[in-house]
């Protein structure tokens, strides 16, 4: 049952002391697309509550009071990485005492361990290892599919795919086909960071550039993969860089329709080469959620990633445009290595409580946003 809200009762009730928001509100309420200047104005407005009101209006128009979550397990098979990105606290150079690489049996055991509830998704990302061949990752996925045939495998960022292709002397499309045939079902959205070349050259110059990330996503969508998309914010980028990033994602979504969810990722500077920068504030986090919902009109879902935002800010984000809280996760490594102090996992009960207390209706989903129904012994997925 849907809870009545101010925007659902009277969508013409928008008010703001910022005159720049009036024409934007008119576009939003008419279902018209916002442009670059609108995005810059939304980031620059001091009236964050009005921005949030507009985003919530769109969110409720699309999803009512429903908020999605899933039961997932993160697997990071290695933290050894040839890159040396200033934004990263996770990666280690080959030979570093803090580096690790899982044997295949260890990775399969990790997938099975540590949680009593049946997962519907394995989320797999890791470092750009200088020695691991493509066959290691193909065998990893095949082994997971053999052991957990009902679990959806969301694996390997656009950055990882491009790196594996180069090492295997294959095209990106050939590499994606091999991953698909091995059992990869969809792809995460990491590695996008910020597309602006000026920023990328400073924070992650060892990675593929923004256009290569977009082209890899384009090829993945062409082959039938669904994927997510991300943006890392709160470091050295400016408002124009953020808008540029969002509009490039929107343009590719117009072309392919392959993105499912956008996930804004707050930068955690601790233990990185950029540790002199301040952490993002709650106001910045909820504004980012809101602007994302307003600009990405063709993205079905906006996720408030509770591991980075904190559960409390994620709750508020459910009234600022977000309709998804991610999942149970269990043993998240990448952002906790960067100083995140949130829990490494949550139970279904805890996630449902967060959502319900925010006045929303929790719906467990699988990776493709199909409803999951559970019994004591198993789960079924709506088709």
Protein backbone atom coordinates (compact mmCIF):
# COMPACT_ATOMS: atom_id res chain seq x y z
CA UNK A 1 0.00 0.00 0.00
CA UNK A 2 1.40 3.40 -0.98
CA UNK A 3 1.87 6.13 1.60
CA UNK A 4 0.47 9.48 0.47
CA UNK A 5 3.11 12.20 0.25
CA UNK A 6 3.02 15.94 -0.41
CA UNK A 7 4.29 15.52 -3.95
CA UNK A 8 1.76 12.80 -4.78
CA UNK A 9 -1.10 14.87 -3.32
CA UNK A 10 -0.24 18.17 -4.97
CA UNK A 11 2.64 18.15 -7.46
CA UNK A 12 2.16 21.85 -8.17
CA UNK A 13 3.00 22.81 -4.57
CA UNK A 14 6.71 23.38 -5.24
CA UNK A 15 8.18 26.41 -3.51
CA UNK A 16 11.74 27.69 -3.23
CA UNK A 17 13.56 30.86 -2.29
CA UNK A 18 16.01 30.16 -5.15
CA UNK A 19 14.59 31.68 -8.37
CA UNK A 20 16.85 29.45 -10.49
CA UNK A 21 14.83 26.42 -9.45
CA UNK A 22 11.44 27.63 -10.71
CA UNK A 23 12.04 26.87 -14.42
CA UNK A 24 13.68 23.57 -13.46
CA UNK A 25 10.64 22.66 -11.37
CA UNK A 26 8.39 23.43 -14.31
CA UNK A 27 10.39 21.06 -16.51
CA UNK A 28 10.41 18.32 -13.86
CA UNK A 29 6.68 18.51 -13.30
CA UNK A 30 6.05 18.44 -17.04
CA UNK A 31 8.31 15.44 -17.47
CA UNK A 32 10.78 17.39 -19.62
CA UNK A 33 14.50 16.67 -19.80
CA UNK A 34 16.93 18.88 -17.88
CA UNK A 35 20.05 20.27 -19.55
CA UNK A 36 23.63 21.06 -18.52
CA UNK A 37 22.80 24.49 -17.13
CA UNK A 38 19.98 22.99 -15.07
CA UNK A 39 22.40 20.49 -13.57
CA UNK A 40 24.89 23.19 -12.59
CA UNK A 41 22.05 25.20 -11.00
CA UNK A 42 20.90 22.18 -8.98
CA UNK A 43 24.40 21.64 -7.61
CA UNK A 44 24.79 25.35 -6.86
CA UNK A 45 21.46 25.95 -5.16
CA UNK A 46 21.48 26.59 -1.43
CA UNK A 47 17.91 25.28 -1.24
CA UNK A 48 18.79 21.59 -1.01
CA UNK A 49 15.37 20.76 0.41
CA UNK A 50 13.71 22.12 -2.72
CA UNK A 51 16.11 20.12 -4.88
CA UNK A 52 15.26 17.06 -2.80
CA UNK A 53 11.53 17.75 -3.15
CA UNK A 54 11.83 17.70 -6.92
CA UNK A 55 13.88 14.49 -6.88
CA UNK A 56 11.40 12.86 -4.54
CA UNK A 57 8.59 13.86 -6.90
CA UNK A 58 10.34 12.01 -9.74
CA UNK A 59 11.18 9.05 -7.52
CA UNK A 60 7.57 8.64 -6.43
CA UNK A 61 6.32 9.10 -9.97
CA UNK A 62 8.54 6.18 -11.01
CA UNK A 63 8.42 3.89 -7.97
CA UNK A 64 5.82 5.12 -5.49
CA UNK A 65 6.97 4.09 -2.01
CA UNK A 66 8.81 0.93 -3.04
CA UNK A 67 12.47 0.65 -2.01
CA UNK A 68 14.54 -2.25 -3.28
CA UNK A 69 17.28 -4.29 -1.64
CA UNK A 70 18.91 -7.64 -2.29
CA UNK A 71 20.81 -10.38 -0.49
CA UNK A 72 24.24 -10.33 -2.03
CA UNK A 73 27.82 -11.36 -1.32
CA UNK A 74 30.90 -9.40 -2.33
CA UNK A 75 33.93 -11.35 -3.51
CA UNK A 76 37.23 -9.55 -4.15
CA UNK A 77 39.54 -12.27 -5.50
CA UNK A 78 42.69 -10.13 -5.40
CA UNK A 79 43.86 -6.70 -4.28
CA UNK A 80 47.10 -6.89 -6.29
CA UNK A 81 46.96 -4.17 -8.92
CA UNK A 82 49.26 -2.71 -11.55
CA UNK A 83 47.57 0.67 -11.20
CA UNK A 84 48.50 3.23 -8.58
CA UNK A 85 45.39 5.39 -8.48
CA UNK A 86 45.48 8.21 -5.96
CA UNK A 87 41.86 7.56 -5.08
CA UNK A 88 42.45 3.93 -4.02
CA UNK A 89 43.20 2.42 -0.61
CA UNK A 90 42.46 -1.15 -1.72
CA UNK A 91 45.09 -2.00 -4.32
CA UNK A 92 48.56 -3.33 -3.49
CA UNK A 93 51.61 -3.81 -5.68
CA UNK A 94 52.88 -7.29 -6.46
CA UNK A 95 55.11 -8.41 -3.60
CA UNK A 96 53.50 -6.14 -1.01
CA UNK A 97 53.01 -7.99 2.28
CA UNK A 98 49.42 -6.74 2.42
CA UNK A 99 48.61 -8.07 -1.04
CA UNK A 100 46.55 -11.21 -1.51
CA UNK A 101 45.28 -13.40 -4.30
CA UNK A 102 42.72 -16.12 -3.68
CA UNK A 103 43.23 -19.57 -5.06
CA UNK A 104 40.12 -20.69 -6.90
CA UNK A 105 39.09 -23.07 -4.12
CA UNK A 106 39.48 -20.24 -1.61
CA UNK A 107 37.28 -17.95 -3.69
CA UNK A 108 34.61 -20.62 -3.98
CA UNK A 109 34.76 -21.23 -0.23
CA UNK A 110 34.46 -17.49 0.41
CA UNK A 111 31.32 -17.43 -1.69
CA UNK A 112 29.78 -20.17 0.44
CA UNK A 113 30.88 -18.96 3.85
CA UNK A 114 29.88 -16.42 6.42
CA UNK A 115 26.15 -16.07 5.98
CA UNK A 116 23.14 -18.27 6.63
CA UNK A 117 20.74 -16.65 4.17
CA UNK A 118 20.80 -17.75 0.56
CA UNK A 119 22.28 -15.05 -1.62
CA UNK A 120 20.80 -14.16 -4.99
CA UNK A 121 23.91 -12.33 -6.26
CA UNK A 122 27.68 -12.59 -6.19
CA UNK A 123 29.30 -9.20 -6.78
CA UNK A 124 32.88 -9.75 -8.00
CA UNK A 125 35.52 -7.04 -8.52
CA UNK A 126 39.22 -6.84 -7.77
CA UNK A 127 42.61 -5.44 -8.71
CA UNK A 128 44.30 -5.45 -12.11
CA UNK A 129 46.67 -8.33 -11.36
CA UNK A 130 49.84 -8.40 -13.49
CA UNK A 131 50.00 -12.21 -13.67
CA UNK A 132 46.50 -13.69 -13.45
CA UNK A 133 45.35 -14.75 -16.92
CA UNK A 134 41.85 -14.43 -18.28
CA UNK A 135 41.44 -18.18 -17.72
CA UNK A 136 41.65 -17.68 -13.92
CA UNK A 137 38.59 -15.44 -14.02
CA UNK A 138 36.74 -17.69 -16.45
CA UNK A 139 37.38 -20.69 -14.19
CA UNK A 140 36.36 -18.66 -11.13
CA UNK A 141 32.99 -17.87 -12.69
CA UNK A 142 32.47 -21.40 -14.04
CA UNK A 143 33.18 -22.85 -10.60
CA UNK A 144 30.70 -20.50 -8.96
CA UNK A 145 28.02 -21.40 -11.50
CA UNK A 146 28.60 -25.12 -10.92
CA UNK A 147 28.33 -24.73 -7.15
CA UNK A 148 25.62 -22.07 -6.99
CA UNK A 149 23.54 -22.39 -10.17
CA UNK A 150 20.70 -20.17 -8.88
CA UNK A 151 22.94 -17.23 -7.96
CA UNK A 152 23.29 -14.33 -10.39
CA UNK A 153 26.92 -13.39 -11.07
CA UNK A 154 27.54 -9.66 -11.42
CA UNK A 155 31.24 -9.45 -12.16
CA UNK A 156 34.10 -7.32 -13.46
CA UNK A 157 34.09 -3.60 -14.09
CA UNK A 158 34.62 -2.03 -17.50
CA UNK A 159 38.18 -1.29 -16.36
CA UNK A 160 38.84 -4.94 -15.52
CA UNK A 161 37.35 -6.16 -18.79
CA UNK A 162 39.49 -3.78 -20.86
CA UNK A 163 42.60 -4.81 -18.91
CA UNK A 164 41.90 -8.55 -19.29
CA UNK A 165 41.29 -8.08 -23.02
CA UNK A 166 44.61 -6.32 -23.48
CA UNK A 167 46.52 -8.98 -21.54
CA UNK A 168 44.81 -11.81 -23.45
CA UNK A 169 45.40 -10.05 -26.79
CA UNK A 170 41.68 -10.17 -27.52
CA UNK A 171 39.20 -7.49 -28.44
CA UNK A 172 36.95 -6.23 -25.67
CA UNK A 173 33.98 -7.81 -27.44
CA UNK A 174 35.73 -11.19 -27.63
CA UNK A 175 36.57 -10.96 -23.93
CA UNK A 176 33.01 -10.11 -23.01
CA UNK A 177 31.74 -13.10 -24.99
CA UNK A 178 34.10 -15.41 -23.11
CA UNK A 179 32.97 -13.99 -19.77
CA UNK A 180 29.33 -14.36 -20.79
CA UNK A 181 29.87 -17.96 -21.88
CA UNK A 182 31.62 -18.72 -18.58
CA UNK A 183 28.58 -17.54 -16.63
CA UNK A 184 28.81 -13.80 -16.01
CA UNK A 185 25.23 -12.53 -15.98
CA UNK A 186 25.66 -8.76 -15.60
CA UNK A 187 28.30 -6.18 -14.77
CA UNK A 188 28.88 -3.72 -11.93
CA UNK A 189 29.41 -0.03 -12.57
CA UNK A 190 32.74 0.66 -10.89
CA UNK A 191 35.79 2.34 -12.38
CA UNK A 192 33.86 5.16 -14.02
CA UNK A 193 35.12 7.60 -11.35
CA UNK A 194 34.82 10.96 -13.18
CA UNK A 195 34.96 11.07 -16.98
CA UNK A 196 36.56 14.54 -17.19
CA UNK A 197 40.09 14.05 -18.55
CA UNK A 198 41.54 16.79 -16.34
CA UNK A 199 40.37 15.08 -13.17
CA UNK A 200 40.99 11.54 -14.34
CA UNK A 201 44.60 12.32 -15.19
CA UNK A 202 45.18 13.18 -11.53
CA UNK A 203 43.13 10.65 -9.59
CA UNK A 204 43.29 7.54 -11.80
CA UNK A 205 45.66 8.06 -14.71
CA UNK A 206 46.53 4.33 -14.77
CA UNK A 207 42.99 3.37 -15.77
CA UNK A 208 41.25 3.48 -19.13
CA UNK A 209 39.94 6.94 -19.95
CA UNK A 210 36.31 7.97 -19.77
CA UNK A 211 35.57 7.35 -23.44
CA UNK A 212 37.03 3.83 -23.21
CA UNK A 213 34.87 3.13 -20.16
CA UNK A 214 31.79 4.24 -22.07
CA UNK A 215 32.76 2.25 -25.16
CA UNK A 216 33.27 -0.92 -23.08
CA UNK A 217 29.84 -0.41 -21.54
CA UNK A 218 28.38 0.14 -25.01
CA UNK A 219 29.82 -3.18 -26.21
CA UNK A 220 28.62 -4.99 -23.08
CA UNK A 221 25.09 -3.70 -23.57
CA UNK A 222 25.22 -4.67 -27.26
CA UNK A 223 25.95 -8.25 -26.17
CA UNK A 224 22.97 -8.28 -23.84
CA UNK A 225 24.64 -7.51 -20.53
CA UNK A 226 22.85 -5.24 -18.10
CA UNK A 227 25.17 -3.10 -16.01
CA UNK A 228 25.27 -0.41 -13.39
CA UNK A 229 27.08 2.91 -13.58
CA UNK A 230 28.86 4.91 -10.90
CA UNK A 231 30.39 8.30 -10.25
CA UNK A 232 33.02 9.01 -7.60
CA UNK A 233 32.41 12.45 -6.13
CA UNK A 234 33.84 14.57 -3.34
CA UNK A 235 37.51 14.81 -4.34
CA UNK A 236 38.94 17.34 -6.84
CA UNK A 237 36.07 17.47 -9.32
CA UNK A 238 33.78 20.48 -9.69
CA UNK A 239 30.06 20.78 -10.37
CA UNK A 240 30.54 20.99 -14.13
CA UNK A 241 32.58 17.77 -14.08
CA UNK A 242 29.75 16.02 -12.25
CA UNK A 243 27.11 17.24 -14.68
CA UNK A 244 29.27 16.26 -17.64
CA UNK A 245 29.64 12.75 -16.20
CA UNK A 246 25.92 12.31 -15.64
CA UNK A 247 24.96 13.58 -19.08
CA UNK A 248 27.45 11.26 -20.80
CA UNK A 249 25.88 8.33 -18.97
CA UNK A 250 22.43 9.58 -19.95
CA UNK A 251 23.44 9.82 -23.61
CA UNK A 252 24.75 6.25 -23.63
CA UNK A 253 21.58 5.05 -21.91
CA UNK A 254 19.54 6.71 -24.66
CA UNK A 255 21.55 4.65 -27.13
CA UNK A 256 21.66 1.23 -25.44
CA UNK A 257 19.16 1.10 -22.56
CA UNK A 258 21.60 -1.21 -20.80
CA UNK A 259 22.08 0.59 -17.50
CA UNK A 260 19.91 -0.53 -14.61
CA UNK A 261 21.10 1.54 -11.69
CA UNK A 262 23.20 4.61 -11.02
CA UNK A 263 25.28 4.57 -7.84
CA UNK A 264 26.90 7.80 -6.60
CA UNK A 265 30.00 6.88 -4.60
CA UNK A 266 31.28 9.29 -1.96
CA UNK A 267 35.07 9.52 -1.92
CA UNK A 268 36.73 8.23 1.26
CA UNK A 269 40.17 9.89 1.39
CA UNK A 270 41.62 8.00 4.37
CA UNK A 271 44.58 5.75 3.46
CA UNK A 272 44.80 7.18 -0.06
CA UNK A 273 47.23 9.61 -1.68
CA UNK A 274 44.47 12.21 -1.38
CA UNK A 275 44.04 11.86 2.39
CA UNK A 276 44.45 15.63 2.83
CA UNK A 277 40.98 16.12 1.37
CA UNK A 278 37.92 16.31 3.65
CA UNK A 279 35.24 13.65 3.65
CA UNK A 280 31.92 14.49 2.07
CA UNK A 281 29.18 15.91 4.26
CA UNK A 282 25.69 14.49 4.58
CA UNK A 283 24.37 17.49 2.69
CA UNK A 284 26.66 16.77 -0.25
CA UNK A 285 25.62 13.13 -0.25
CA UNK A 286 21.87 13.72 -0.34
CA UNK A 287 22.25 16.49 -2.93
CA UNK A 288 24.19 14.09 -5.15
CA UNK A 289 21.41 11.53 -4.91
CA UNK A 290 18.82 14.18 -5.78
CA UNK A 291 20.68 15.66 -8.76
CA UNK A 292 21.35 12.17 -10.09
CA UNK A 293 17.66 11.32 -10.00
CA UNK A 294 16.73 14.56 -11.76
CA UNK A 295 19.33 14.42 -14.55
CA UNK A 296 19.27 10.67 -15.21
CA UNK A 297 15.67 10.56 -16.36
CA UNK A 298 16.26 7.35 -18.35
CA UNK A 299 17.89 5.36 -15.53
CA UNK A 300 15.34 3.11 -13.81
CA UNK A 301 17.01 3.18 -10.40
CA UNK A 302 19.18 5.37 -8.17
CA UNK A 303 20.99 3.60 -5.35
CA UNK A 304 21.88 4.99 -1.94
CA UNK A 305 24.93 2.82 -1.25
CA UNK A 306 24.66 2.54 2.52
CA UNK A 307 28.19 1.19 2.94
CA UNK A 308 29.64 4.52 1.86
CA UNK A 309 26.89 6.96 2.82
CA UNK A 310 26.16 5.37 6.24
CA UNK A 311 22.79 3.78 6.93
CA UNK A 312 21.45 7.01 8.43
CA UNK A 313 22.20 9.16 5.38
CA UNK A 314 20.94 6.37 3.12
CA UNK A 315 17.60 6.50 4.94
CA UNK A 316 17.31 10.22 4.25
CA UNK A 317 18.30 9.61 0.62
CA UNK A 318 15.11 7.58 0.21
CA UNK A 319 13.30 10.95 0.37
CA UNK A 320 15.79 12.62 -1.99
CA UNK A 321 15.43 10.41 -5.06
CA UNK A 322 16.90 7.02 -4.16
CA UNK A 323 14.80 3.88 -4.54
CA UNK A 324 17.45 1.24 -3.75
CA UNK A 325 19.70 0.57 -0.74
CA UNK A 326 21.92 -2.14 -2.28
CA UNK A 327 22.05 -5.30 -0.19
CA UNK A 328 23.35 -7.33 2.70
CA UNK A 329 26.86 -7.29 1.09
CA UNK A 330 28.85 -9.15 3.80
CA UNK A 331 32.57 -8.35 4.12
CA UNK A 332 32.93 -5.31 1.88
CA UNK A 333 36.65 -4.61 1.46
CA UNK A 334 37.27 -1.78 -0.99
CA UNK A 335 35.67 1.13 0.86
CA UNK A 336 36.49 -0.18 4.32
CA UNK A 337 40.18 -0.19 3.35
CA UNK A 338 39.63 3.50 2.63
CA UNK A 339 38.38 4.16 6.13
CA UNK A 340 34.65 3.49 5.90
CA UNK A 341 33.31 2.83 9.41
CA UNK A 342 29.94 1.42 8.39
CA UNK A 343 29.13 -2.24 9.14
CA UNK A 344 30.57 -4.70 6.63
CA UNK A 345 27.19 -6.34 6.22
CA UNK A 346 23.54 -6.18 7.22
CA UNK A 347 20.78 -8.72 7.58
CA UNK A 348 17.55 -8.61 5.62
CA UNK A 349 15.78 -7.65 8.83
CA UNK A 350 18.05 -4.64 9.39
CA UNK A 351 17.61 -3.40 5.83
CA UNK A 352 13.85 -3.77 6.03
CA UNK A 353 13.84 -1.76 9.25
CA UNK A 354 15.84 1.08 7.66
CA UNK A 355 13.43 1.22 4.74
CA UNK A 356 10.25 0.96 6.81
CA UNK A 357 11.37 3.66 9.26
CA UNK A 358 11.86 5.98 6.26
CA UNK A 359 8.20 5.48 5.37
CA UNK A 360 8.95 3.30 2.37
CA UNK A 361 7.94 -0.25 1.45
CA UNK A 362 10.82 -2.76 1.31
CA UNK A 363 10.89 -5.12 -1.66
CA UNK A 364 13.59 -7.75 -1.96
CA UNK A 365 14.81 -8.04 -5.54
CA UNK A 366 17.29 -10.03 -7.56
CA UNK A 367 19.94 -8.30 -9.66
CA UNK A 368 17.49 -7.70 -12.52
CA UNK A 369 14.92 -6.14 -10.17
CA UNK A 370 12.57 -9.10 -10.15
CA UNK A 371 10.79 -9.61 -6.84
CA UNK A 372 12.16 -12.36 -4.60
CA UNK A 373 9.81 -14.42 -2.43
CA UNK A 374 11.36 -16.38 0.44
CA UNK A 375 10.39 -19.40 2.44
CA UNK A 376 12.41 -20.92 5.30
CA UNK A 377 14.18 -23.25 2.91
CA UNK A 378 14.58 -21.36 -0.36
CA UNK A 379 13.67 -18.39 -2.51
CA UNK A 380 11.82 -17.93 -5.79
CA UNK A 381 12.19 -15.13 -8.31
CA UNK A 382 9.28 -13.57 -10.16
CA UNK A 383 9.50 -13.87 -13.93
